[in-house]
N, C-alpha and C. Protein backbone atom coordinates (compact mmCIF):
# COMPACT_ATOMS: atom_id res chain seq x y z
N MET A 1 13.82 -12.74 22.96
CA MET A 1 12.97 -12.40 22.09
C MET A 1 12.96 -12.94 20.70
N GLU A 2 12.40 -13.60 19.89
CA GLU A 2 12.76 -14.05 18.64
C GLU A 2 12.33 -12.90 17.64
N LEU A 3 13.09 -12.57 16.80
CA LEU A 3 12.92 -11.62 15.70
C LEU A 3 12.17 -12.55 14.39
N LEU A 4 11.25 -11.96 13.95
CA LEU A 4 10.35 -12.54 13.14
C LEU A 4 10.92 -11.98 11.60
N LEU A 5 11.34 -12.81 10.97
CA LEU A 5 11.72 -12.52 9.24
C LEU A 5 10.44 -12.08 8.66
N HIS A 6 10.53 -10.96 8.05
CA HIS A 6 9.56 -10.40 7.07
C HIS A 6 10.26 -9.71 6.07
N TRP A 7 9.53 -9.38 4.91
CA TRP A 7 10.20 -8.69 3.93
C TRP A 7 9.40 -7.54 3.46
N HIS A 8 10.01 -6.52 3.02
CA HIS A 8 9.36 -5.09 2.74
C HIS A 8 9.78 -5.16 1.12
N ALA A 9 8.80 -4.78 0.37
CA ALA A 9 9.08 -4.64 -1.10
C ALA A 9 9.16 -3.22 -1.60
N TYR A 10 10.04 -3.03 -2.45
CA TYR A 10 10.32 -1.69 -3.06
C TYR A 10 10.48 -1.73 -4.51
N THR A 11 10.09 -0.88 -5.32
CA THR A 11 10.26 -0.62 -6.75
C THR A 11 10.88 0.64 -7.10
N TRP A 12 11.74 0.92 -8.07
CA TRP A 12 11.84 2.24 -8.70
C TRP A 12 12.08 1.88 -10.43
N ASN A 13 11.59 2.82 -10.92
CA ASN A 13 11.34 2.71 -12.47
C ASN A 13 11.80 4.29 -12.98
N GLY A 14 12.83 4.50 -13.32
CA GLY A 14 13.29 6.08 -13.77
C GLY A 14 14.28 5.88 -14.91
N ASN A 15 14.71 7.06 -15.02
CA ASN A 15 15.87 7.60 -16.21
C ASN A 15 17.10 6.82 -15.70
N GLY A 16 17.49 5.72 -16.17
CA GLY A 16 18.73 5.08 -15.82
C GLY A 16 19.91 5.97 -15.47
N ALA A 17 19.96 6.97 -16.34
CA ALA A 17 21.22 8.15 -16.01
C ALA A 17 21.18 8.52 -14.58
N ASP A 18 20.05 8.56 -14.10
CA ASP A 18 19.94 9.04 -12.48
C ASP A 18 20.63 8.39 -11.80
N LEU A 19 20.92 7.11 -11.90
CA LEU A 19 21.41 6.13 -11.28
C LEU A 19 23.09 6.55 -10.55
N ALA A 20 23.58 7.47 -11.82
CA ALA A 20 24.89 7.85 -11.44
C ALA A 20 24.89 9.04 -10.30
N ARG A 21 23.73 9.39 -9.85
CA ARG A 21 23.82 10.43 -8.88
C ARG A 21 23.90 9.64 -7.49
N GLU A 22 25.31 9.02 -7.50
CA GLU A 22 25.38 8.09 -6.17
C GLU A 22 25.37 8.67 -4.86
N ASP A 23 25.73 10.01 -4.59
CA ASP A 23 25.67 10.86 -3.55
C ASP A 23 24.46 10.78 -2.71
N GLU A 24 23.36 10.70 -3.46
CA GLU A 24 22.08 10.76 -2.79
C GLU A 24 21.40 9.30 -2.66
N ARG A 25 22.20 8.56 -3.30
CA ARG A 25 22.04 7.03 -2.87
C ARG A 25 22.59 6.43 -1.78
N ARG A 26 23.23 7.21 -0.90
CA ARG A 26 23.99 6.93 0.29
C ARG A 26 23.54 7.34 1.45
N PRO A 27 23.10 6.73 2.51
CA PRO A 27 22.58 7.34 3.78
C PRO A 27 23.40 8.51 4.39
N THR A 28 24.60 8.47 3.87
CA THR A 28 25.29 9.63 4.61
C THR A 28 25.10 10.90 3.88
N SER A 29 24.41 10.98 2.84
CA SER A 29 23.95 12.37 2.02
C SER A 29 22.68 12.87 2.61
N PRO A 30 22.52 14.22 2.81
CA PRO A 30 21.38 14.78 3.38
C PRO A 30 20.26 14.65 2.32
N ASP A 31 20.53 14.39 1.12
CA ASP A 31 19.37 14.07 0.25
C ASP A 31 18.89 12.66 0.11
N PHE A 32 19.63 11.68 0.96
CA PHE A 32 19.14 10.31 0.61
C PHE A 32 17.73 10.33 0.97
N PHE A 33 17.34 10.67 2.27
CA PHE A 33 15.96 10.39 2.70
C PHE A 33 14.92 10.84 1.74
N SER A 34 14.97 12.02 1.03
CA SER A 34 14.10 12.44 0.11
C SER A 34 14.28 12.00 -1.09
N SER A 35 15.27 11.31 -1.62
CA SER A 35 15.56 11.16 -2.88
C SER A 35 14.80 9.97 -3.17
N LEU A 36 14.10 9.87 -4.47
CA LEU A 36 13.43 8.76 -4.96
C LEU A 36 14.28 7.73 -5.52
N LEU A 37 15.54 7.85 -5.88
CA LEU A 37 16.59 6.86 -6.26
C LEU A 37 16.57 5.71 -5.29
N PRO A 38 16.89 4.51 -5.81
CA PRO A 38 17.23 3.28 -5.18
C PRO A 38 18.54 3.56 -4.46
N PRO A 39 18.72 3.03 -3.17
CA PRO A 39 19.94 2.98 -2.32
C PRO A 39 21.11 2.16 -3.11
N MET A 40 22.47 2.61 -2.82
CA MET A 40 23.50 1.61 -3.14
C MET A 40 23.31 0.31 -2.64
N ARG A 41 23.19 0.32 -1.52
CA ARG A 41 23.22 -1.04 -1.00
C ARG A 41 21.69 -1.49 -0.57
N THR A 42 21.25 -2.74 -0.93
CA THR A 42 19.72 -3.15 -0.74
C THR A 42 19.15 -2.82 0.75
N GLY A 43 19.89 -3.18 1.60
CA GLY A 43 19.46 -2.94 3.07
C GLY A 43 19.13 -1.64 3.24
N GLU A 44 19.68 -0.73 2.66
CA GLU A 44 19.54 0.70 3.18
C GLU A 44 17.93 1.26 2.70
N TRP A 45 17.28 0.38 1.95
CA TRP A 45 15.79 0.82 1.58
C TRP A 45 15.29 0.88 3.10
N LEU A 46 15.61 0.26 4.11
CA LEU A 46 14.94 0.19 5.20
C LEU A 46 14.95 1.66 6.03
N ALA A 47 16.10 2.38 5.53
CA ALA A 47 16.26 3.60 6.05
C ALA A 47 15.40 4.71 5.34
N LYS A 48 14.74 4.34 4.39
CA LYS A 48 13.89 5.34 3.55
C LYS A 48 12.70 5.53 4.34
N PRO A 49 11.94 6.45 4.25
CA PRO A 49 10.49 6.53 4.70
C PRO A 49 9.80 5.24 4.35
N ALA A 50 8.80 5.07 5.43
CA ALA A 50 8.09 3.76 5.43
C ALA A 50 7.04 3.83 4.22
N SER A 51 6.81 5.29 3.68
CA SER A 51 5.87 5.44 2.68
C SER A 51 6.44 4.81 1.10
N ARG A 52 7.85 4.46 1.24
CA ARG A 52 8.36 3.82 -0.05
C ARG A 52 8.07 2.54 0.06
N ILE A 53 7.63 1.94 0.98
CA ILE A 53 7.58 0.35 0.92
C ILE A 53 6.06 0.14 0.09
N ALA A 54 6.24 -0.69 -0.92
CA ALA A 54 5.18 -0.99 -1.70
C ALA A 54 4.22 -1.92 -1.16
N GLU A 55 4.70 -3.07 -0.30
CA GLU A 55 4.15 -4.09 0.20
C GLU A 55 4.95 -4.60 1.27
N THR A 56 4.24 -5.31 2.40
CA THR A 56 5.14 -6.16 3.23
C THR A 56 4.69 -7.42 3.28
N PHE A 57 5.51 -8.60 3.11
CA PHE A 57 5.08 -9.80 3.37
C PHE A 57 5.78 -10.70 4.28
N GLU A 58 5.00 -11.75 4.92
CA GLU A 58 5.44 -12.66 6.00
C GLU A 58 5.43 -14.14 5.29
N ASP A 59 4.94 -14.10 4.11
CA ASP A 59 4.84 -15.46 3.47
C ASP A 59 5.82 -15.32 2.11
N VAL A 60 6.96 -16.12 2.03
CA VAL A 60 7.95 -16.15 1.05
C VAL A 60 7.09 -16.30 -0.33
N ASP A 61 6.16 -17.05 -0.56
CA ASP A 61 5.47 -17.42 -1.69
C ASP A 61 4.88 -16.08 -2.23
N LYS A 62 4.18 -15.47 -1.39
CA LYS A 62 3.43 -14.28 -1.88
C LYS A 62 4.54 -13.34 -2.27
N ALA A 63 5.72 -13.08 -1.44
CA ALA A 63 6.55 -12.12 -1.67
C ALA A 63 7.34 -12.21 -3.21
N ILE A 64 7.54 -13.48 -3.45
CA ILE A 64 8.12 -13.77 -4.68
C ILE A 64 6.98 -13.68 -5.88
N GLU A 65 5.84 -13.93 -5.71
CA GLU A 65 4.99 -13.62 -6.68
C GLU A 65 4.56 -12.11 -7.00
N TRP A 66 4.84 -11.56 -5.90
CA TRP A 66 4.69 -9.97 -5.93
C TRP A 66 5.69 -9.59 -6.90
N MET A 67 7.05 -9.98 -6.66
CA MET A 67 8.15 -9.65 -7.41
C MET A 67 7.90 -10.07 -8.92
N ARG A 68 7.53 -11.20 -9.10
CA ARG A 68 7.38 -11.63 -10.33
C ARG A 68 6.22 -10.70 -11.25
N THR A 69 5.41 -10.37 -10.54
CA THR A 69 4.12 -9.49 -11.23
C THR A 69 4.98 -8.17 -11.49
N GLN A 70 5.47 -7.43 -10.39
CA GLN A 70 5.94 -6.15 -10.77
C GLN A 70 7.22 -6.12 -11.90
N TYR A 71 7.88 -7.23 -11.77
CA TYR A 71 8.87 -7.32 -12.88
C TYR A 71 8.67 -7.75 -14.27
N ALA A 72 7.39 -8.20 -14.40
CA ALA A 72 7.00 -8.72 -15.81
C ALA A 72 7.15 -7.94 -17.07
N PRO A 73 7.12 -6.42 -16.78
CA PRO A 73 7.35 -5.63 -17.90
C PRO A 73 8.68 -5.60 -18.25
N ALA A 74 9.57 -6.00 -17.40
CA ALA A 74 11.02 -6.08 -17.59
C ALA A 74 11.57 -7.41 -18.35
N SER A 75 10.79 -8.45 -17.92
CA SER A 75 10.98 -9.89 -18.06
C SER A 75 11.71 -9.92 -19.74
N ALA A 76 10.77 -9.37 -20.63
CA ALA A 76 11.18 -9.51 -22.07
C ALA A 76 12.50 -9.04 -22.49
N HIS A 77 13.07 -8.14 -21.59
CA HIS A 77 14.41 -7.35 -22.01
C HIS A 77 15.54 -7.95 -21.11
N ASP A 78 15.16 -8.82 -20.33
CA ASP A 78 16.14 -9.42 -19.17
C ASP A 78 16.60 -10.94 -19.75
N PRO A 79 18.02 -10.85 -19.89
CA PRO A 79 18.43 -12.07 -20.54
C PRO A 79 18.42 -13.26 -19.57
N ILE A 80 18.10 -13.11 -18.07
CA ILE A 80 17.98 -14.06 -17.34
C ILE A 80 16.54 -14.61 -17.09
N SER A 81 16.15 -15.63 -17.18
CA SER A 81 14.89 -16.02 -17.25
C SER A 81 14.17 -15.77 -15.75
N MET A 82 12.90 -15.68 -15.94
CA MET A 82 12.11 -15.54 -14.60
C MET A 82 12.01 -16.82 -13.85
N SER A 83 12.08 -17.85 -14.18
CA SER A 83 12.27 -19.02 -13.73
C SER A 83 13.35 -18.96 -12.90
N HIS A 84 14.54 -18.61 -13.49
CA HIS A 84 15.95 -18.47 -12.80
C HIS A 84 15.81 -17.50 -11.50
N HIS A 85 15.27 -16.47 -11.94
CA HIS A 85 15.09 -15.34 -10.85
C HIS A 85 14.37 -15.80 -9.69
N GLN A 86 13.21 -16.71 -9.91
CA GLN A 86 12.36 -17.23 -8.90
C GLN A 86 13.13 -18.16 -7.99
N ARG A 87 13.85 -19.25 -8.73
CA ARG A 87 14.42 -20.14 -8.09
C ARG A 87 15.64 -19.45 -7.02
N GLU A 88 16.28 -18.49 -7.40
CA GLU A 88 17.35 -17.78 -6.67
C GLU A 88 16.52 -17.18 -5.40
N ALA A 89 15.38 -16.53 -5.73
CA ALA A 89 14.81 -15.87 -4.53
C ALA A 89 14.48 -16.92 -3.51
N TYR A 90 13.81 -18.07 -4.00
CA TYR A 90 13.35 -19.04 -3.12
C TYR A 90 14.67 -19.47 -2.17
N GLY A 91 15.94 -19.46 -2.72
CA GLY A 91 17.02 -19.98 -2.00
C GLY A 91 17.61 -18.74 -1.24
N LEU A 92 17.26 -17.60 -1.34
CA LEU A 92 17.72 -16.45 -0.72
C LEU A 92 17.11 -15.96 0.46
N LEU A 93 15.90 -15.78 -0.07
CA LEU A 93 14.99 -15.09 1.07
C LEU A 93 14.74 -15.59 2.24
N PRO A 94 14.49 -16.78 2.31
CA PRO A 94 14.10 -17.58 3.74
C PRO A 94 15.31 -17.49 4.54
N GLY A 95 16.58 -17.35 4.13
CA GLY A 95 17.89 -17.21 4.63
C GLY A 95 18.19 -15.88 5.17
N GLY A 96 17.38 -14.89 4.94
CA GLY A 96 17.69 -13.43 5.22
C GLY A 96 18.44 -12.73 4.20
N VAL A 97 18.70 -13.25 3.01
CA VAL A 97 19.41 -12.48 2.14
C VAL A 97 18.45 -11.59 1.02
N ASP A 98 18.63 -10.30 0.99
CA ASP A 98 18.10 -9.60 0.14
C ASP A 98 17.87 -9.85 -1.35
N VAL A 99 16.96 -9.64 -1.95
CA VAL A 99 16.94 -9.93 -3.44
C VAL A 99 16.25 -8.70 -4.28
N GLN A 100 17.24 -8.40 -5.27
CA GLN A 100 16.54 -7.08 -5.98
C GLN A 100 17.06 -7.65 -7.46
N TRP A 101 16.07 -7.44 -8.39
CA TRP A 101 15.98 -7.79 -9.71
C TRP A 101 16.08 -6.30 -10.53
N GLY A 102 16.87 -6.17 -11.55
CA GLY A 102 16.84 -4.86 -12.16
C GLY A 102 17.04 -5.18 -13.67
N CYS A 103 16.64 -4.16 -14.31
CA CYS A 103 16.95 -4.46 -16.01
C CYS A 103 16.86 -3.11 -16.49
N TRP A 104 17.40 -2.88 -17.57
CA TRP A 104 17.25 -1.58 -18.39
C TRP A 104 16.22 -1.98 -19.52
N LEU A 105 15.28 -0.86 -19.79
CA LEU A 105 14.11 -0.72 -20.35
C LEU A 105 14.41 0.01 -21.74
N PRO A 106 13.50 -0.11 -22.73
CA PRO A 106 13.68 0.82 -23.90
C PRO A 106 13.81 2.55 -23.32
N GLY A 107 14.40 3.15 -24.09
CA GLY A 107 14.30 4.64 -23.90
C GLY A 107 15.24 5.03 -22.67
N GLY A 108 16.15 4.21 -22.35
CA GLY A 108 17.25 4.61 -21.10
C GLY A 108 16.61 4.20 -19.79
N ARG A 109 15.42 3.88 -19.75
CA ARG A 109 14.80 3.48 -18.22
C ARG A 109 15.33 2.35 -17.63
N PHE A 110 15.31 2.32 -16.38
CA PHE A 110 15.80 1.20 -15.39
C PHE A 110 14.63 0.77 -14.61
N LEU A 111 14.29 -0.23 -14.39
CA LEU A 111 13.59 -0.94 -13.41
C LEU A 111 14.21 -1.83 -12.58
N THR A 112 13.81 -1.58 -11.28
CA THR A 112 14.42 -2.31 -10.03
C THR A 112 13.26 -2.69 -9.22
N VAL A 113 13.25 -4.07 -8.70
CA VAL A 113 12.23 -4.52 -7.87
C VAL A 113 12.92 -5.34 -6.78
N GLY A 114 12.82 -4.97 -5.40
CA GLY A 114 13.41 -5.64 -4.45
C GLY A 114 12.63 -6.08 -3.45
N MET A 115 13.07 -7.10 -2.55
CA MET A 115 12.47 -7.66 -1.77
C MET A 115 13.50 -7.59 -0.42
N ILE A 116 13.35 -6.62 0.51
CA ILE A 116 14.49 -6.50 1.73
C ILE A 116 14.00 -7.23 2.87
N CYS A 117 15.05 -7.95 3.37
CA CYS A 117 14.71 -8.66 4.71
C CYS A 117 14.90 -7.75 5.77
N CYS A 118 13.74 -7.91 6.73
CA CYS A 118 13.86 -7.32 8.05
C CYS A 118 13.25 -8.34 9.15
N PRO A 119 14.32 -8.39 10.18
CA PRO A 119 15.49 -7.69 10.27
C PRO A 119 16.40 -7.98 9.09
N ASN A 120 17.61 -7.05 8.94
CA ASN A 120 18.40 -7.29 7.97
C ASN A 120 19.80 -7.59 8.49
N ARG A 121 20.64 -8.53 7.82
CA ARG A 121 21.74 -8.97 8.31
C ARG A 121 22.86 -8.06 7.96
N HIS A 122 22.68 -6.98 6.94
CA HIS A 122 23.73 -6.22 6.67
C HIS A 122 23.82 -4.82 7.19
N VAL A 123 22.62 -4.30 7.46
CA VAL A 123 22.38 -3.04 8.04
C VAL A 123 21.73 -3.19 9.37
N ASN A 124 21.76 -2.23 10.03
CA ASN A 124 21.25 -2.12 11.56
C ASN A 124 19.98 -1.02 11.72
N HIS A 125 19.08 -1.30 10.90
CA HIS A 125 17.94 -0.18 10.77
C HIS A 125 16.66 -0.85 11.37
N PRO A 126 16.16 -0.02 12.23
CA PRO A 126 14.85 -0.55 12.66
C PRO A 126 13.79 -0.88 11.84
N CYS A 127 12.97 -1.81 11.69
CA CYS A 127 11.77 -1.92 10.85
C CYS A 127 11.04 -0.64 10.66
N PRO A 128 10.89 -0.42 9.37
CA PRO A 128 10.41 1.21 9.13
C PRO A 128 8.88 1.28 9.49
N LYS A 129 8.21 -0.01 9.41
CA LYS A 129 6.81 -0.16 9.87
C LYS A 129 6.42 -0.25 11.21
N ARG A 130 7.42 -1.16 11.83
CA ARG A 130 7.26 -1.30 13.34
C ARG A 130 8.17 -0.71 14.11
N GLY A 131 9.21 0.03 13.59
CA GLY A 131 9.94 0.71 14.33
C GLY A 131 11.11 0.06 15.38
N ASP A 132 10.95 -1.29 15.43
CA ASP A 132 11.92 -1.96 16.24
C ASP A 132 12.57 -3.23 15.69
N GLY A 133 12.66 -3.28 14.33
CA GLY A 133 13.35 -4.30 13.67
C GLY A 133 12.87 -5.68 13.56
N ARG A 134 11.36 -5.77 14.18
CA ARG A 134 10.73 -7.10 14.32
C ARG A 134 9.76 -7.21 13.20
């Protein structure tokens, strides 16, 4: 049976200092599943509750457009151009490589926007929406 690659979208915008709470960002922590913080490894998003998924895509163009829209508030603060981010995403996502953009915002906040491949080549979690990895 062929596994169909699709992508789950995730975001987090919060106090950047909270990212130092690395213990709850690891799936070995009992706090991992209830924590709103992004995981240390991108693929671990798939172990979070399905309610954390912002969107799911089967079309890479729509996935990258969603990322661009969500990341727009940070683009003025990011030294990497949006066109560069998009080119990289087009090169990575179809090959099954997760893409996550992050940037510090004024006031010590941090924004991260991620598109996580499912199935994932780095972690062995079932698909959070389908339960079977497909």
